[in-house]
Protein backbone atom coordinates (compact mmCIF):
# COMPACT_ATOMS: atom_id res chain seq x y z
CA MET A 1 106.98 15.31 1.04
CA PRO A 2 106.04 12.91 3.96
CA SER A 3 102.28 12.43 3.32
CA GLU A 4 100.03 13.61 6.70
CA GLN A 5 98.00 11.54 8.56
CA TYR A 6 95.00 13.23 9.65
CA VAL A 7 93.32 11.32 12.79
CA LYS A 8 90.16 12.03 13.19
CA SER A 9 89.89 13.13 17.55
CA SER A 10 86.13 12.03 18.74
CA PRO A 11 84.78 14.94 20.40
CA SER A 12 85.39 15.90 24.37
CA PRO A 13 81.94 13.99 26.15
CA ARG A 14 79.47 16.65 27.08
CA VAL A 15 79.49 16.58 30.82
CA ILE A 16 76.32 16.70 32.98
CA VAL A 17 76.33 18.31 36.74
CA ALA A 18 74.92 17.40 39.43
CA ALA A 19 74.15 18.46 43.02
CA VAL A 20 73.64 15.94 46.15
CA ILE A 21 72.43 18.29 48.78
CA ILE A 22 72.00 16.83 52.34
CA ASP A 23 70.24 18.70 54.96
CA ASP A 24 69.49 16.99 58.69
CA GLY A 25 70.97 13.69 57.48
CA ARG A 26 68.21 13.50 54.56
CA VAL A 27 68.88 13.98 50.99
CA LEU A 28 66.94 15.91 48.56
CA ALA A 29 65.91 13.90 45.42
CA CYS A 30 63.73 15.81 42.15
CA GLN A 31 61.46 14.84 40.21
CA ARG A 32 61.16 14.23 36.63
CA SER A 33 58.69 16.24 34.74
CA SER A 34 59.55 15.70 31.15
CA PRO A 35 61.17 14.72 28.80
CA PRO A 36 58.18 11.48 28.98
CA GLU A 37 60.84 8.89 28.84
CA ALA A 38 62.02 10.47 32.17
CA ALA A 39 58.98 12.19 33.65
CA GLY A 40 58.36 10.79 37.29
CA LYS A 41 61.47 9.22 37.30
CA TRP A 42 64.04 10.84 40.49
CA GLU A 43 67.19 12.48 40.01
CA PHE A 44 69.73 15.02 41.70
CA PRO A 45 69.10 18.40 40.38
CA GLY A 46 71.70 19.43 37.65
CA GLY A 47 72.77 20.27 34.41
CA LYS A 48 74.30 20.66 31.34
CA VAL A 49 77.95 22.78 31.97
CA GLU A 50 77.64 25.52 29.37
CA PRO A 51 80.96 26.44 27.30
CA GLY A 52 83.35 28.46 29.40
CA GLU A 53 81.51 27.07 32.35
CA THR A 54 83.50 25.10 35.22
CA ASP A 55 81.60 22.47 37.19
CA GLN A 56 80.91 24.08 39.66
CA GLN A 57 79.73 27.04 37.89
CA ALA A 58 76.96 25.07 36.51
CA LEU A 59 76.34 23.32 39.61
CA VAL A 60 75.05 26.94 41.16
CA ARG A 61 73.77 28.21 38.11
CA GLU A 62 71.55 25.48 37.57
CA CYS A 63 70.53 24.52 41.70
CA ALA A 64 69.48 28.65 41.23
CA GLU A 65 66.97 28.12 38.24
CA GLU A 66 65.91 24.26 38.89
CA LEU A 67 65.98 25.11 42.93
CA GLY A 68 65.92 29.18 43.68
CA ILE A 69 68.73 27.81 46.09
CA THR A 70 72.26 29.74 46.40
CA VAL A 71 74.61 26.74 46.66
CA GLU A 72 78.78 26.44 47.96
CA VAL A 73 79.80 23.35 45.63
CA ALA A 74 82.19 20.79 47.87
CA GLY A 75 83.53 17.79 46.87
CA ARG A 76 82.83 14.48 44.07
CA VAL A 77 80.02 12.41 45.19
CA GLY A 78 81.28 8.82 43.63
CA PRO A 79 82.65 8.33 40.22
CA ASP A 80 82.00 10.18 36.92
CA VAL A 81 78.99 7.91 35.36
CA SER A 82 79.11 7.50 31.47
CA LEU A 83 75.66 8.54 30.02
CA ALA A 84 74.95 8.41 26.16
CA HIS A 85 77.38 5.60 25.02
CA GLY A 86 80.29 7.82 26.16
CA ARG A 87 78.75 11.55 24.93
CA ALA A 88 78.17 12.33 27.93
CA VAL A 89 79.40 12.04 31.70
CA LEU A 90 77.18 12.55 34.57
CA ARG A 91 79.40 14.37 37.63
CA VAL A 92 78.16 14.21 40.72
CA TYR A 93 79.13 16.81 43.62
CA ALA A 94 78.17 17.30 47.31
CA VAL A 95 76.68 21.36 47.70
CA GLU A 96 75.59 22.71 50.81
CA VAL A 97 72.48 25.47 50.80
CA LEU A 98 73.18 28.88 51.80
CA ASP A 99 71.76 32.04 53.81
CA GLY A 100 68.95 29.29 55.11
CA GLY A 101 67.48 28.81 51.62
CA VAL A 102 65.02 26.00 50.82
CA PRO A 103 64.51 24.27 47.88
CA GLU A 104 61.10 24.76 45.32
CA ALA A 105 60.08 22.49 42.64
CA LEU A 106 60.44 25.19 40.24
CA GLU A 107 61.74 22.61 36.89
CA HIS A 108 60.42 19.17 38.80
CA SER A 109 57.38 17.92 39.70
CA ALA A 110 58.20 17.18 43.26
CA LEU A 111 60.90 17.16 46.18
CA ARG A 112 61.41 14.77 48.43
CA TRP A 113 63.13 14.65 51.47
CA LEU A 114 64.76 10.78 51.88
CA THR A 115 66.59 9.10 54.61
CA VAL A 116 68.71 6.60 54.22
CA ASP A 117 66.59 4.53 54.81
CA GLN A 118 63.68 5.82 51.57
CA LEU A 119 66.48 5.66 49.47
CA ASN A 120 65.39 2.78 47.23
CA SER A 121 61.82 4.07 47.93
CA VAL A 122 61.52 6.47 44.17
CA PRO A 123 62.38 4.60 41.19
CA TRP A 124 66.04 6.34 40.00
CA LEU A 125 67.06 7.36 36.85
CA PRO A 126 69.67 4.83 35.65
CA ALA A 127 72.27 7.43 36.18
CA ASP A 128 71.66 8.56 39.50
CA VAL A 129 71.41 4.60 40.90
CA PRO A 130 75.33 4.49 40.88
CA ILE A 131 75.51 7.52 43.30
CA VAL A 132 72.41 6.23 45.55
CA ALA A 133 74.58 3.48 46.25
CA GLU A 134 77.61 6.43 48.01
CA LEU A 135 74.71 8.18 49.68
CA PRO A 136 74.39 5.60 52.82
CA LYS A 137 78.17 6.85 54.02
CA LEU A 138 77.84 10.59 53.39
CA LEU A 139 73.82 10.35 55.64
CA PHE A 140 75.54 8.96 58.19
CA ARG A 141 78.01 11.60 58.62
CA SER A 142 75.74 14.35 58.64
């Protein structure tokens, strides 16, 4: 009887989603309040995709929890960004705020609307920097 070989499969990376919210040629940036190593840095809102959720469902949930708004998810922005030495991946999507909602800083220290000229005026989290590089073309289109 042939011996069976067992190949240990590596777990799929954890998916983190984030939202690029553009309004009137400006993008929403959110200032982290925690953990200590990220506090004061800026990011796009979002969070972990929970088991059984799609990326889009997670973004809708995260925007409601973090900003108190209802959104519709549109297309991808930029490539996947590898995080935590490949144990996680960041996927960013453009989203549209529905029903005239106004984002509130429910889980962040501050929110700021940035024009294309202001994109580099805040210290972004390293994972968001590749996405910031994609924004000028989106902001000029809006």
